[in-house]
Amino acid sequence: MSRFNYLESEVRPWGRYFVLHDEANYKIKRIEVETGKRLSYQYHYKRSEMWTIIEGNAKITLDDKTHILKPGESIKIPRKSKHRVENVGQSSLVFIEIQTGDYFGEDDIVRIEDDFNRK
């Protein structure tokens, strides 16, 4: 991964993410989730997302329905849809997230439930 120049990266309690590209109408991230960890159950007012699994196995909750995705599979997360991803594999989960909309700030995350007590 050192051969890439990321625009931004951040460590989170569940893993880390890297911003690969950031434009006015879309943002692309590489997201890595540690084994047994999951992101908050959340939604966004200003963006939709498309997730494509690159490595590992993902359990995705989308509006209270569960989906299991493997490498090469994708799922669309519509704006205002409640969603969460969990690493259910034995190794790191890596996926590419393409955000589309008119705002991509981290303050557009509305957390419903969070394993790390974030608001």
N, C-alpha and C. Protein backbone atom coordinates (compact mmCIF):
# COMPACT_ATOMS: atom_id res chain seq x y z
N MET A 1 0.81 -1.20 0.00
CA MET A 1 0.00 0.00 0.00
C MET A 1 0.85 1.26 0.00
N SER A 2 2.11 1.18 0.26
CA SER A 2 2.96 2.36 0.33
C SER A 2 3.16 3.01 -1.04
N ARG A 3 2.81 2.32 -2.14
CA ARG A 3 3.01 2.89 -3.46
C ARG A 3 1.94 3.92 -3.82
N PHE A 4 0.91 4.07 -3.01
CA PHE A 4 -0.16 5.01 -3.27
C PHE A 4 0.02 6.28 -2.43
N ASN A 5 -0.39 7.38 -2.97
CA ASN A 5 -0.44 8.63 -2.23
C ASN A 5 -1.91 8.91 -1.90
N TYR A 6 -2.30 8.61 -0.68
CA TYR A 6 -3.68 8.81 -0.28
C TYR A 6 -3.92 10.27 0.04
N LEU A 7 -5.12 10.76 -0.27
CA LEU A 7 -5.48 12.13 0.05
C LEU A 7 -5.65 12.30 1.56
N GLU A 8 -6.11 11.23 2.20
CA GLU A 8 -6.40 11.29 3.63
C GLU A 8 -6.49 9.86 4.13
N SER A 9 -6.12 9.63 5.38
CA SER A 9 -6.35 8.34 6.00
C SER A 9 -6.68 8.57 7.46
N GLU A 10 -7.40 7.62 8.02
CA GLU A 10 -7.79 7.76 9.42
C GLU A 10 -7.94 6.38 10.05
N VAL A 11 -7.43 6.25 11.26
CA VAL A 11 -7.60 5.03 12.04
C VAL A 11 -8.88 5.16 12.85
N ARG A 12 -9.68 4.13 12.85
CA ARG A 12 -10.92 4.09 13.61
C ARG A 12 -10.88 2.86 14.53
N PRO A 13 -11.77 2.77 15.51
CA PRO A 13 -11.74 1.61 16.43
C PRO A 13 -11.98 0.27 15.73
N TRP A 14 -12.62 0.28 14.58
CA TRP A 14 -12.92 -0.94 13.83
C TRP A 14 -11.87 -1.26 12.76
N GLY A 15 -10.97 -0.32 12.47
CA GLY A 15 -9.97 -0.51 11.41
C GLY A 15 -9.46 0.83 10.92
N ARG A 16 -9.50 1.05 9.59
CA ARG A 16 -9.03 2.32 9.04
C ARG A 16 -9.59 2.52 7.64
N TYR A 17 -9.50 3.78 7.18
CA TYR A 17 -9.90 4.06 5.80
C TYR A 17 -8.91 5.01 5.15
N PHE A 18 -8.91 4.97 3.83
CA PHE A 18 -8.05 5.81 3.01
C PHE A 18 -8.90 6.47 1.95
N VAL A 19 -8.79 7.78 1.79
CA VAL A 19 -9.49 8.47 0.71
C VAL A 19 -8.61 8.38 -0.53
N LEU A 20 -9.15 7.76 -1.58
CA LEU A 20 -8.43 7.57 -2.83
C LEU A 20 -8.66 8.72 -3.80
N HIS A 21 -9.88 9.26 -3.77
CA HIS A 21 -10.23 10.33 -4.71
C HIS A 21 -11.36 11.14 -4.10
N ASP A 22 -11.34 12.45 -4.31
CA ASP A 22 -12.35 13.33 -3.72
C ASP A 22 -12.68 14.44 -4.71
N GLU A 23 -13.91 14.44 -5.19
CA GLU A 23 -14.40 15.46 -6.14
C GLU A 23 -15.67 16.08 -5.57
N ALA A 24 -16.20 17.08 -6.26
CA ALA A 24 -17.39 17.78 -5.78
C ALA A 24 -18.61 16.86 -5.71
N ASN A 25 -18.72 15.88 -6.60
CA ASN A 25 -19.92 15.04 -6.64
C ASN A 25 -19.68 13.56 -6.31
N TYR A 26 -18.43 13.22 -5.94
CA TYR A 26 -18.18 11.85 -5.49
C TYR A 26 -16.88 11.77 -4.69
N LYS A 27 -16.80 10.71 -3.87
CA LYS A 27 -15.59 10.42 -3.09
C LYS A 27 -15.39 8.91 -3.10
N ILE A 28 -14.14 8.46 -3.20
CA ILE A 28 -13.82 7.04 -3.22
C ILE A 28 -12.89 6.72 -2.04
N LYS A 29 -13.27 5.70 -1.27
CA LYS A 29 -12.47 5.28 -0.11
C LYS A 29 -12.13 3.80 -0.20
N ARG A 30 -10.99 3.43 0.36
CA ARG A 30 -10.63 2.04 0.63
C ARG A 30 -10.84 1.88 2.13
N ILE A 31 -11.67 0.92 2.53
CA ILE A 31 -12.00 0.72 3.94
C ILE A 31 -11.54 -0.67 4.35
N GLU A 32 -10.82 -0.74 5.48
CA GLU A 32 -10.32 -2.00 6.02
C GLU A 32 -10.93 -2.20 7.40
N VAL A 33 -11.58 -3.35 7.59
CA VAL A 33 -12.25 -3.67 8.86
C VAL A 33 -11.55 -4.88 9.47
N GLU A 34 -11.13 -4.75 10.71
CA GLU A 34 -10.44 -5.84 11.41
C GLU A 34 -11.39 -7.00 11.68
N THR A 35 -10.83 -8.19 11.83
CA THR A 35 -11.60 -9.40 12.09
C THR A 35 -12.48 -9.22 13.33
N GLY A 36 -13.76 -9.56 13.17
CA GLY A 36 -14.69 -9.49 14.29
C GLY A 36 -15.22 -8.10 14.60
N LYS A 37 -14.80 -7.08 13.87
CA LYS A 37 -15.25 -5.71 14.14
C LYS A 37 -16.33 -5.31 13.13
N ARG A 38 -17.07 -4.26 13.49
CA ARG A 38 -18.10 -3.74 12.60
C ARG A 38 -18.22 -2.24 12.76
N LEU A 39 -18.71 -1.59 11.74
CA LEU A 39 -18.96 -0.16 11.78
C LEU A 39 -20.29 0.08 12.47
N SER A 40 -20.58 1.32 12.79
CA SER A 40 -21.85 1.64 13.43
C SER A 40 -23.01 1.41 12.47
N TYR A 41 -24.18 1.15 13.05
CA TYR A 41 -25.42 1.10 12.26
C TYR A 41 -25.80 2.55 12.09
N GLN A 42 -25.87 3.01 10.83
CA GLN A 42 -25.94 4.45 10.56
C GLN A 42 -26.69 4.74 9.27
N TYR A 43 -26.88 6.03 9.02
CA TYR A 43 -27.40 6.48 7.73
C TYR A 43 -26.85 7.87 7.44
N HIS A 44 -27.09 8.32 6.21
CA HIS A 44 -26.60 9.63 5.77
C HIS A 44 -27.74 10.38 5.09
N TYR A 45 -27.82 11.68 5.31
CA TYR A 45 -28.81 12.53 4.66
C TYR A 45 -28.39 12.96 3.26
N LYS A 46 -27.08 13.11 3.04
CA LYS A 46 -26.62 13.80 1.84
C LYS A 46 -25.87 12.95 0.84
N ARG A 47 -25.76 11.66 1.09
CA ARG A 47 -25.03 10.82 0.14
C ARG A 47 -25.56 9.40 0.11
N SER A 48 -25.33 8.75 -1.03
CA SER A 48 -25.54 7.31 -1.15
C SER A 48 -24.17 6.69 -1.33
N GLU A 49 -24.10 5.36 -1.17
CA GLU A 49 -22.81 4.68 -1.25
C GLU A 49 -22.97 3.39 -2.04
N MET A 50 -21.89 2.99 -2.68
CA MET A 50 -21.78 1.68 -3.34
C MET A 50 -20.56 1.01 -2.74
N TRP A 51 -20.73 -0.21 -2.22
CA TRP A 51 -19.63 -0.94 -1.62
C TRP A 51 -19.30 -2.15 -2.49
N THR A 52 -18.03 -2.33 -2.79
CA THR A 52 -17.55 -3.51 -3.51
C THR A 52 -16.49 -4.19 -2.65
N ILE A 53 -16.73 -5.45 -2.35
CA ILE A 53 -15.81 -6.21 -1.50
C ILE A 53 -14.59 -6.61 -2.32
N ILE A 54 -13.41 -6.35 -1.76
CA ILE A 54 -12.14 -6.66 -2.41
C ILE A 54 -11.50 -7.90 -1.77
N GLU A 55 -11.50 -7.95 -0.44
CA GLU A 55 -10.92 -9.07 0.31
C GLU A 55 -11.81 -9.37 1.51
N GLY A 56 -11.92 -10.65 1.85
CA GLY A 56 -12.64 -11.04 3.05
C GLY A 56 -14.12 -11.27 2.81
N ASN A 57 -14.84 -11.47 3.91
CA ASN A 57 -16.27 -11.73 3.88
C ASN A 57 -17.00 -10.70 4.73
N ALA A 58 -18.05 -10.13 4.17
CA ALA A 58 -18.79 -9.06 4.83
C ALA A 58 -20.22 -9.48 5.14
N LYS A 59 -20.65 -9.15 6.34
CA LYS A 59 -22.06 -9.25 6.70
C LYS A 59 -22.57 -7.82 6.69
N ILE A 60 -23.50 -7.56 5.80
CA ILE A 60 -24.02 -6.20 5.64
C ILE A 60 -25.47 -6.19 6.07
N THR A 61 -25.79 -5.23 6.93
CA THR A 61 -27.16 -5.00 7.34
C THR A 61 -27.62 -3.74 6.61
N LEU A 62 -28.68 -3.87 5.83
CA LEU A 62 -29.23 -2.76 5.07
C LEU A 62 -30.72 -2.69 5.36
N ASP A 63 -31.13 -1.64 6.06
CA ASP A 63 -32.53 -1.47 6.47
C ASP A 63 -33.06 -2.75 7.13
N ASP A 64 -32.30 -3.26 8.09
CA ASP A 64 -32.66 -4.41 8.92
C ASP A 64 -32.66 -5.76 8.19
N LYS A 65 -32.18 -5.80 6.94
CA LYS A 65 -32.03 -7.06 6.21
C LYS A 65 -30.55 -7.39 6.09
N THR A 66 -30.20 -8.68 6.26
CA THR A 66 -28.81 -9.11 6.25
C THR A 66 -28.41 -9.66 4.88
N HIS A 67 -27.21 -9.29 4.44
CA HIS A 67 -26.64 -9.76 3.19
C HIS A 67 -25.20 -10.21 3.48
N ILE A 68 -24.79 -11.34 2.91
CA ILE A 68 -23.40 -11.81 3.02
C ILE A 68 -22.75 -11.58 1.65
N LEU A 69 -21.65 -10.84 1.63
CA LEU A 69 -20.95 -10.55 0.39
C LEU A 69 -19.53 -11.08 0.45
N LYS A 70 -19.07 -11.55 -0.70
CA LYS A 70 -17.71 -12.08 -0.87
C LYS A 70 -16.97 -11.21 -1.87
N PRO A 71 -15.67 -11.41 -2.02
CA PRO A 71 -14.89 -10.60 -2.97
C PRO A 71 -15.52 -10.59 -4.37
N GLY A 72 -15.59 -9.39 -4.93
CA GLY A 72 -16.17 -9.19 -6.25
C GLY A 72 -17.64 -8.82 -6.23
N GLU A 73 -18.29 -8.96 -5.06
CA GLU A 73 -19.72 -8.63 -4.97
C GLU A 73 -19.90 -7.21 -4.45
N SER A 74 -21.03 -6.60 -4.83
CA SER A 74 -21.30 -5.19 -4.49
C SER A 74 -22.71 -5.03 -3.95
N ILE A 75 -22.90 -3.91 -3.24
CA ILE A 75 -24.23 -3.57 -2.74
C ILE A 75 -24.37 -2.04 -2.77
N LYS A 76 -25.56 -1.58 -3.13
CA LYS A 76 -25.86 -0.14 -3.16
C LYS A 76 -26.55 0.24 -1.86
N ILE A 77 -26.07 1.32 -1.26
CA ILE A 77 -26.64 1.86 -0.01
C ILE A 77 -27.31 3.19 -0.37
N PRO A 78 -28.63 3.20 -0.53
CA PRO A 78 -29.30 4.46 -0.89
C PRO A 78 -29.23 5.50 0.24
N ARG A 79 -29.31 6.74 -0.14
CA ARG A 79 -29.36 7.84 0.83
C ARG A 79 -30.47 7.58 1.84
N LYS A 80 -30.21 7.83 3.09
CA LYS A 80 -31.12 7.68 4.24
C LYS A 80 -31.41 6.23 4.61
N SER A 81 -30.76 5.25 3.95
CA SER A 81 -30.95 3.84 4.32
C SER A 81 -30.01 3.50 5.48
N LYS A 82 -30.54 2.80 6.46
CA LYS A 82 -29.74 2.37 7.60
C LYS A 82 -28.83 1.24 7.14
N HIS A 83 -27.55 1.31 7.53
CA HIS A 83 -26.60 0.30 7.05
C HIS A 83 -25.46 0.09 8.04
N ARG A 84 -24.85 -1.09 7.90
CA ARG A 84 -23.70 -1.47 8.72
C ARG A 84 -22.96 -2.58 7.98
N VAL A 85 -21.65 -2.62 8.17
CA VAL A 85 -20.84 -3.71 7.63
C VAL A 85 -20.04 -4.32 8.76
N GLU A 86 -19.93 -5.65 8.73
CA GLU A 86 -19.20 -6.39 9.76
C GLU A 86 -18.27 -7.38 9.08
N ASN A 87 -17.07 -7.50 9.63
CA ASN A 87 -16.11 -8.48 9.13
C ASN A 87 -16.42 -9.81 9.81
N VAL A 88 -16.93 -10.77 9.03
CA VAL A 88 -17.26 -12.09 9.56
C VAL A 88 -16.27 -13.16 9.09
N GLY A 89 -15.18 -12.74 8.50
CA GLY A 89 -14.18 -13.68 8.02
C GLY A 89 -13.04 -13.87 9.01
N GLN A 90 -12.04 -14.62 8.59
CA GLN A 90 -10.88 -14.92 9.42
C GLN A 90 -9.70 -13.98 9.14
N SER A 91 -9.87 -13.08 8.19
CA SER A 91 -8.82 -12.12 7.85
C SER A 91 -9.46 -10.74 7.65
N SER A 92 -8.66 -9.76 7.33
CA SER A 92 -9.17 -8.41 7.14
C SER A 92 -10.23 -8.35 6.05
N LEU A 93 -11.21 -7.51 6.27
CA LEU A 93 -12.22 -7.20 5.26
C LEU A 93 -11.78 -5.89 4.61
N VAL A 94 -11.71 -5.88 3.28
CA VAL A 94 -11.35 -4.68 2.54
C VAL A 94 -12.42 -4.45 1.49
N PHE A 95 -12.95 -3.21 1.45
CA PHE A 95 -13.91 -2.88 0.41
C PHE A 95 -13.69 -1.46 -0.08
N ILE A 96 -14.16 -1.22 -1.29
CA ILE A 96 -14.10 0.10 -1.89
C ILE A 96 -15.48 0.72 -1.75
N GLU A 97 -15.51 1.94 -1.25
CA GLU A 97 -16.75 2.67 -1.07
C GLU A 97 -16.76 3.86 -2.03
N ILE A 98 -17.78 3.94 -2.86
CA ILE A 98 -17.96 5.09 -3.74
C ILE A 98 -19.16 5.86 -3.22
N GLN A 99 -18.90 7.07 -2.77
CA GLN A 99 -19.96 7.94 -2.27
C GLN A 99 -20.38 8.89 -3.38
N THR A 100 -21.70 9.06 -3.56
CA THR A 100 -22.22 10.04 -4.50
C THR A 100 -23.25 10.89 -3.79
N GLY A 101 -23.32 12.15 -4.17
CA GLY A 101 -24.25 13.07 -3.54
C GLY A 101 -23.72 14.47 -3.61
N ASP A 102 -24.09 15.29 -2.61
CA ASP A 102 -23.65 16.68 -2.64
C ASP A 102 -22.84 17.09 -1.41
N TYR A 103 -22.58 16.13 -0.50
CA TYR A 103 -21.76 16.43 0.68
C TYR A 103 -21.21 15.12 1.23
N PHE A 104 -19.91 15.11 1.59
CA PHE A 104 -19.26 13.87 1.99
C PHE A 104 -18.55 13.96 3.34
N GLY A 105 -18.85 14.97 4.13
CA GLY A 105 -18.22 15.13 5.43
C GLY A 105 -18.61 14.03 6.40
N GLU A 106 -17.69 13.72 7.32
CA GLU A 106 -17.94 12.70 8.33
C GLU A 106 -19.07 13.12 9.29
N ASP A 107 -19.40 14.41 9.32
CA ASP A 107 -20.49 14.87 10.18
C ASP A 107 -21.88 14.57 9.59
N ASP A 108 -21.94 13.92 8.42
CA ASP A 108 -23.21 13.46 7.86
C ASP A 108 -23.52 12.02 8.28
N ILE A 109 -22.78 11.50 9.24
CA ILE A 109 -23.05 10.17 9.78
C ILE A 109 -24.03 10.31 10.94
N VAL A 110 -25.19 9.66 10.82
CA VAL A 110 -26.16 9.61 11.92
C VAL A 110 -26.09 8.19 12.47
N ARG A 111 -25.51 8.04 13.65
CA ARG A 111 -25.33 6.72 14.25
C ARG A 111 -26.57 6.31 15.03
N ILE A 112 -27.06 5.11 14.75
CA ILE A 112 -28.22 4.54 15.45
C ILE A 112 -27.72 3.65 16.58
N GLU A 113 -26.67 2.86 16.29
CA GLU A 113 -26.08 1.95 17.25
C GLU A 113 -24.59 1.87 16.97
N ASP A 114 -23.77 1.86 18.03
CA ASP A 114 -22.32 1.86 17.83
C ASP A 114 -21.64 1.06 18.94
N ASP A 115 -20.78 0.12 18.55
CA ASP A 115 -20.06 -0.72 19.51
C ASP A 115 -19.04 0.06 20.33
N PHE A 116 -18.69 1.27 19.88
CA PHE A 116 -17.63 2.05 20.51
C PHE A 116 -18.16 3.32 21.21
N ASN A 117 -19.48 3.38 21.40
CA ASN A 117 -20.16 4.47 22.11
C ASN A 117 -19.88 5.85 21.51
N ARG A 118 -19.77 5.90 20.17
CA ARG A 118 -19.63 7.20 19.49
C ARG A 118 -21.01 7.73 19.18
N LYS A 119 -21.12 9.04 19.07
CA LYS A 119 -22.40 9.68 18.73
C LYS A 119 -22.37 10.24 17.35
